[in-house]
Amino acid sequence: MSQIVLITGYITRAGFGRLDIRDIDRVEQHLGEVLVEADRTGEWTIPDSLIIELTTVVNEYDRQLATTRVEIVARASEYLERLLQLAAHQPPAVADGVPAQIGRRVLALR
């Protein structure tokens, strides 16, 4: 789910989104908080409001894949791949030292 949110945000920032990027960033932040808490406690608590927001983002992702040039989708996939590589090669403590948004993205991908 976090990968869908990241790709949707990338494509939206490239000018091919119908959602406000601030809304996508908020969903990304809330999802990251849920994932960090689940990793810390082993318990999954997903607020109904987040499920509704995620549904909106997934619908936008689906629309983007159907209407956006393949070049833009490919760039978004490359961006995601770079984030995955970053997450795979850094210990959890390193995420605390990177900018907040990227740190959340790295944590969400673990």
N, C-alpha and C. Protein backbone atom coordinates (compact mmCIF):
# COMPACT_ATOMS: atom_id res chain seq x y z
N MET A 1 0.82 -1.19 0.00
CA MET A 1 0.00 0.00 0.00
C MET A 1 0.88 1.26 0.00
N SER A 2 1.96 1.22 0.76
CA SER A 2 2.83 2.40 0.80
C SER A 2 3.45 2.66 -0.57
N GLN A 3 3.72 1.61 -1.33
CA GLN A 3 4.28 1.80 -2.67
C GLN A 3 3.28 2.50 -3.59
N ILE A 4 2.02 2.15 -3.47
CA ILE A 4 0.98 2.81 -4.27
C ILE A 4 0.89 4.28 -3.91
N VAL A 5 0.96 4.59 -2.63
CA VAL A 5 0.89 5.99 -2.19
C VAL A 5 2.09 6.77 -2.73
N LEU A 6 3.28 6.18 -2.67
CA LEU A 6 4.48 6.86 -3.16
C LEU A 6 4.42 7.10 -4.67
N ILE A 7 4.01 6.10 -5.42
CA ILE A 7 3.93 6.26 -6.87
C ILE A 7 2.86 7.28 -7.24
N THR A 8 1.73 7.24 -6.56
CA THR A 8 0.66 8.21 -6.83
C THR A 8 1.15 9.63 -6.54
N GLY A 9 1.89 9.79 -5.46
CA GLY A 9 2.44 11.10 -5.14
C GLY A 9 3.43 11.58 -6.18
N TYR A 10 4.29 10.69 -6.65
CA TYR A 10 5.28 11.05 -7.66
C TYR A 10 4.58 11.51 -8.95
N ILE A 11 3.62 10.72 -9.40
CA ILE A 11 2.91 11.05 -10.64
C ILE A 11 2.12 12.35 -10.48
N THR A 12 1.55 12.56 -9.31
CA THR A 12 0.82 13.80 -9.06
C THR A 12 1.77 14.99 -9.10
N ARG A 13 2.94 14.86 -8.48
CA ARG A 13 3.93 15.95 -8.51
C ARG A 13 4.40 16.24 -9.94
N ALA A 14 4.36 15.23 -10.80
CA ALA A 14 4.76 15.41 -12.19
C ALA A 14 3.65 16.09 -13.01
N GLY A 15 2.51 16.37 -12.36
CA GLY A 15 1.45 17.11 -13.03
C GLY A 15 0.33 16.26 -13.59
N PHE A 16 0.26 14.99 -13.20
CA PHE A 16 -0.74 14.09 -13.75
C PHE A 16 -1.70 13.56 -12.69
N GLY A 17 -1.99 14.36 -11.70
CA GLY A 17 -2.87 13.91 -10.63
C GLY A 17 -4.07 14.81 -10.46
N ARG A 18 -5.12 14.23 -9.95
CA ARG A 18 -6.34 15.00 -9.67
C ARG A 18 -6.48 15.31 -8.18
N LEU A 19 -5.72 14.61 -7.34
CA LEU A 19 -5.77 14.85 -5.90
C LEU A 19 -4.78 15.95 -5.53
N ASP A 20 -5.07 16.64 -4.47
CA ASP A 20 -4.15 17.63 -3.94
C ASP A 20 -2.95 16.89 -3.34
N ILE A 21 -1.75 17.30 -3.69
CA ILE A 21 -0.55 16.61 -3.22
C ILE A 21 -0.46 16.65 -1.69
N ARG A 22 -1.01 17.67 -1.08
CA ARG A 22 -1.00 17.73 0.39
C ARG A 22 -1.83 16.60 0.98
N ASP A 23 -2.91 16.24 0.31
CA ASP A 23 -3.73 15.12 0.78
C ASP A 23 -2.96 13.80 0.67
N ILE A 24 -2.26 13.63 -0.44
CA ILE A 24 -1.46 12.41 -0.61
C ILE A 24 -0.34 12.36 0.43
N ASP A 25 0.31 13.48 0.66
CA ASP A 25 1.37 13.53 1.67
C ASP A 25 0.83 13.19 3.06
N ARG A 26 -0.38 13.67 3.35
CA ARG A 26 -1.00 13.38 4.65
C ARG A 26 -1.29 11.88 4.79
N VAL A 27 -1.80 11.27 3.72
CA VAL A 27 -2.07 9.83 3.73
C VAL A 27 -0.75 9.07 3.92
N GLU A 28 0.28 9.51 3.23
CA GLU A 28 1.60 8.87 3.36
C GLU A 28 2.09 8.96 4.81
N GLN A 29 1.93 10.12 5.42
CA GLN A 29 2.36 10.30 6.80
C GLN A 29 1.57 9.40 7.75
N HIS A 30 0.25 9.38 7.59
CA HIS A 30 -0.59 8.56 8.47
C HIS A 30 -0.29 7.07 8.29
N LEU A 31 -0.10 6.64 7.05
CA LEU A 31 0.23 5.24 6.80
C LEU A 31 1.58 4.91 7.41
N GLY A 32 2.55 5.80 7.26
CA GLY A 32 3.85 5.59 7.87
C GLY A 32 3.78 5.45 9.38
N GLU A 33 2.95 6.27 10.00
CA GLU A 33 2.77 6.19 11.45
C GLU A 33 2.17 4.84 11.85
N VAL A 34 1.20 4.36 11.09
CA VAL A 34 0.59 3.05 11.37
C VAL A 34 1.63 1.95 11.23
N LEU A 35 2.44 2.02 10.18
CA LEU A 35 3.45 0.98 9.94
C LEU A 35 4.53 0.99 11.02
N VAL A 36 4.96 2.17 11.42
CA VAL A 36 5.97 2.26 12.48
C VAL A 36 5.42 1.71 13.78
N GLU A 37 4.19 2.08 14.10
CA GLU A 37 3.56 1.60 15.34
C GLU A 37 3.37 0.08 15.30
N ALA A 38 2.96 -0.44 14.16
CA ALA A 38 2.77 -1.90 14.02
C ALA A 38 4.11 -2.62 14.17
N ASP A 39 5.16 -2.03 13.61
CA ASP A 39 6.49 -2.62 13.73
C ASP A 39 6.96 -2.59 15.18
N ARG A 40 6.65 -1.49 15.88
CA ARG A 40 7.09 -1.33 17.26
C ARG A 40 6.34 -2.24 18.22
N THR A 41 5.02 -2.35 18.02
CA THR A 41 4.19 -3.07 18.99
C THR A 41 3.73 -4.45 18.53
N GLY A 42 3.77 -4.68 17.22
CA GLY A 42 3.24 -5.93 16.68
C GLY A 42 1.73 -5.91 16.51
N GLU A 43 1.11 -4.79 16.82
CA GLU A 43 -0.34 -4.67 16.70
C GLU A 43 -0.69 -3.68 15.59
N TRP A 44 -1.65 -4.10 14.77
CA TRP A 44 -2.11 -3.26 13.67
C TRP A 44 -3.38 -2.53 14.06
N THR A 45 -3.31 -1.21 14.08
CA THR A 45 -4.48 -0.38 14.34
C THR A 45 -4.59 0.60 13.18
N ILE A 46 -5.55 0.33 12.30
CA ILE A 46 -5.74 1.18 11.12
C ILE A 46 -7.06 1.93 11.27
N PRO A 47 -6.98 3.23 11.45
CA PRO A 47 -8.20 4.02 11.62
C PRO A 47 -9.09 3.94 10.37
N ASP A 48 -10.40 3.97 10.57
CA ASP A 48 -11.33 3.96 9.45
C ASP A 48 -11.07 5.12 8.50
N SER A 49 -10.69 6.26 9.05
CA SER A 49 -10.42 7.44 8.21
C SER A 49 -9.25 7.17 7.27
N LEU A 50 -8.25 6.43 7.72
CA LEU A 50 -7.12 6.11 6.86
C LEU A 50 -7.54 5.14 5.76
N ILE A 51 -8.39 4.20 6.08
CA ILE A 51 -8.88 3.26 5.05
C ILE A 51 -9.62 4.03 3.96
N ILE A 52 -10.43 4.99 4.35
CA ILE A 52 -11.15 5.81 3.37
C ILE A 52 -10.17 6.60 2.52
N GLU A 53 -9.17 7.22 3.15
CA GLU A 53 -8.16 7.99 2.42
C GLU A 53 -7.35 7.09 1.49
N LEU A 54 -6.98 5.92 1.95
CA LEU A 54 -6.23 4.99 1.11
C LEU A 54 -7.05 4.55 -0.10
N THR A 55 -8.33 4.34 0.10
CA THR A 55 -9.21 3.98 -1.02
C THR A 55 -9.20 5.07 -2.08
N THR A 56 -9.25 6.32 -1.65
CA THR A 56 -9.20 7.44 -2.58
C THR A 56 -7.88 7.45 -3.36
N VAL A 57 -6.78 7.23 -2.65
CA VAL A 57 -5.47 7.22 -3.31
C VAL A 57 -5.35 6.03 -4.27
N VAL A 58 -5.83 4.87 -3.88
CA VAL A 58 -5.76 3.70 -4.77
C VAL A 58 -6.60 3.94 -6.03
N ASN A 59 -7.74 4.55 -5.88
CA ASN A 59 -8.56 4.88 -7.06
C ASN A 59 -7.83 5.86 -7.99
N GLU A 60 -7.14 6.84 -7.40
CA GLU A 60 -6.37 7.79 -8.20
C GLU A 60 -5.20 7.08 -8.89
N TYR A 61 -4.54 6.20 -8.19
CA TYR A 61 -3.44 5.40 -8.75
C TYR A 61 -3.94 4.62 -9.97
N ASP A 62 -5.07 3.99 -9.82
CA ASP A 62 -5.66 3.21 -10.92
C ASP A 62 -5.94 4.12 -12.12
N ARG A 63 -6.51 5.28 -11.85
CA ARG A 63 -6.79 6.23 -12.92
C ARG A 63 -5.50 6.69 -13.59
N GLN A 64 -4.49 6.99 -12.77
CA GLN A 64 -3.21 7.45 -13.32
C GLN A 64 -2.58 6.39 -14.23
N LEU A 65 -2.61 5.15 -13.81
CA LEU A 65 -2.01 4.09 -14.63
C LEU A 65 -2.71 3.97 -15.98
N ALA A 66 -4.01 4.27 -16.02
CA ALA A 66 -4.76 4.16 -17.25
C ALA A 66 -4.60 5.37 -18.17
N THR A 67 -4.20 6.52 -17.61
CA THR A 67 -4.22 7.75 -18.41
C THR A 67 -2.87 8.46 -18.53
N THR A 68 -1.88 8.07 -17.76
CA THR A 68 -0.60 8.78 -17.74
C THR A 68 0.38 8.12 -18.71
N ARG A 69 1.19 8.94 -19.36
CA ARG A 69 2.20 8.42 -20.29
C ARG A 69 3.09 7.40 -19.57
N VAL A 70 3.45 6.37 -20.29
CA VAL A 70 4.29 5.31 -19.73
C VAL A 70 5.61 5.86 -19.21
N GLU A 71 6.15 6.87 -19.88
CA GLU A 71 7.40 7.48 -19.45
C GLU A 71 7.32 7.98 -18.01
N ILE A 72 6.21 8.61 -17.65
CA ILE A 72 6.04 9.15 -16.30
C ILE A 72 5.90 8.01 -15.29
N VAL A 73 5.14 6.99 -15.65
CA VAL A 73 4.97 5.83 -14.76
C VAL A 73 6.31 5.13 -14.56
N ALA A 74 7.10 5.04 -15.62
CA ALA A 74 8.43 4.42 -15.51
C ALA A 74 9.33 5.23 -14.57
N ARG A 75 9.29 6.53 -14.68
CA ARG A 75 10.08 7.38 -13.76
C ARG A 75 9.64 7.17 -12.31
N ALA A 76 8.33 7.07 -12.11
CA ALA A 76 7.82 6.83 -10.76
C ALA A 76 8.31 5.49 -10.23
N SER A 77 8.33 4.48 -11.09
CA SER A 77 8.82 3.16 -10.67
C SER A 77 10.30 3.19 -10.34
N GLU A 78 11.07 3.94 -11.11
CA GLU A 78 12.50 4.08 -10.83
C GLU A 78 12.72 4.79 -9.49
N TYR A 79 11.92 5.81 -9.24
CA TYR A 79 11.99 6.53 -7.97
C TYR A 79 11.70 5.58 -6.81
N LEU A 80 10.66 4.78 -6.96
CA LEU A 80 10.31 3.80 -5.93
C LEU A 80 11.45 2.81 -5.73
N GLU A 81 12.05 2.37 -6.81
CA GLU A 81 13.16 1.43 -6.73
C GLU A 81 14.33 2.03 -5.95
N ARG A 82 14.62 3.31 -6.18
CA ARG A 82 15.70 3.98 -5.44
C ARG A 82 15.37 4.04 -3.94
N LEU A 83 14.12 4.33 -3.62
CA LEU A 83 13.72 4.35 -2.20
C LEU A 83 13.84 2.97 -1.57
N LEU A 84 13.46 1.93 -2.32
CA LEU A 84 13.58 0.56 -1.80
C LEU A 84 15.04 0.19 -1.56
N GLN A 85 15.91 0.59 -2.46
CA GLN A 85 17.35 0.32 -2.27
C GLN A 85 17.87 1.07 -1.06
N LEU A 86 17.45 2.30 -0.88
CA LEU A 86 17.86 3.08 0.28
C LEU A 86 17.39 2.39 1.56
N ALA A 87 16.16 1.93 1.57
CA ALA A 87 15.61 1.26 2.76
C ALA A 87 16.35 -0.03 3.06
N ALA A 88 16.75 -0.74 2.01
CA ALA A 88 17.41 -2.04 2.20
C ALA A 88 18.84 -1.89 2.72
N HIS A 89 19.48 -0.77 2.46
CA HIS A 89 20.89 -0.61 2.79
C HIS A 89 21.17 0.26 4.00
N GLN A 90 20.14 0.69 4.70
CA GLN A 90 20.37 1.54 5.85
C GLN A 90 19.74 0.94 7.10
N PRO A 91 20.46 0.98 8.20
CA PRO A 91 19.87 0.51 9.46
C PRO A 91 18.75 1.44 9.89
N PRO A 92 17.82 0.96 10.71
CA PRO A 92 16.68 1.79 11.14
C PRO A 92 17.08 3.13 11.73
N ALA A 93 18.17 3.19 12.46
CA ALA A 93 18.57 4.44 13.11
C ALA A 93 18.91 5.52 12.10
N VAL A 94 19.37 5.13 10.90
CA VAL A 94 19.75 6.11 9.89
C VAL A 94 18.54 6.91 9.45
N ALA A 95 17.37 6.28 9.39
CA ALA A 95 16.16 6.98 8.94
C ALA A 95 15.87 8.20 9.81
N ASP A 96 16.32 8.18 11.06
CA ASP A 96 16.08 9.32 11.93
C ASP A 96 16.88 10.54 11.49
N GLY A 97 17.99 10.33 10.78
CA GLY A 97 18.84 11.44 10.40
C GLY A 97 18.55 12.02 9.04
N VAL A 98 17.65 11.44 8.28
CA VAL A 98 17.33 11.97 6.95
C VAL A 98 16.12 12.87 7.05
N PRO A 99 15.88 13.70 6.01
CA PRO A 99 14.71 14.57 6.07
C PRO A 99 13.45 13.78 6.40
N ALA A 100 12.54 14.40 7.15
CA ALA A 100 11.38 13.71 7.70
C ALA A 100 10.58 12.95 6.65
N GLN A 101 10.29 13.58 5.53
CA GLN A 101 9.44 12.92 4.55
C GLN A 101 10.13 11.69 3.97
N ILE A 102 11.40 11.79 3.62
CA ILE A 102 12.14 10.64 3.09
C ILE A 102 12.30 9.59 4.17
N GLY A 103 12.54 10.01 5.41
CA GLY A 103 12.64 9.05 6.51
C GLY A 103 11.39 8.25 6.66
N ARG A 104 10.24 8.90 6.59
CA ARG A 104 8.97 8.18 6.67
C ARG A 104 8.82 7.22 5.50
N ARG A 105 9.24 7.66 4.31
CA ARG A 105 9.13 6.80 3.14
C ARG A 105 10.00 5.57 3.29
N VAL A 106 11.21 5.75 3.78
CA VAL A 106 12.10 4.61 3.98
C VAL A 106 11.51 3.66 5.01
N LEU A 107 11.02 4.20 6.12
CA LEU A 107 10.43 3.36 7.15
C LEU A 107 9.20 2.62 6.62
N ALA A 108 8.40 3.28 5.82
CA ALA A 108 7.18 2.66 5.31
C ALA A 108 7.48 1.50 4.38
N LEU A 109 8.64 1.50 3.76
CA LEU A 109 8.99 0.45 2.80
C LEU A 109 9.61 -0.76 3.46
N ARG A 110 9.97 -0.67 4.73
CA ARG A 110 10.61 -1.79 5.41
C ARG A 110 9.64 -2.90 5.68
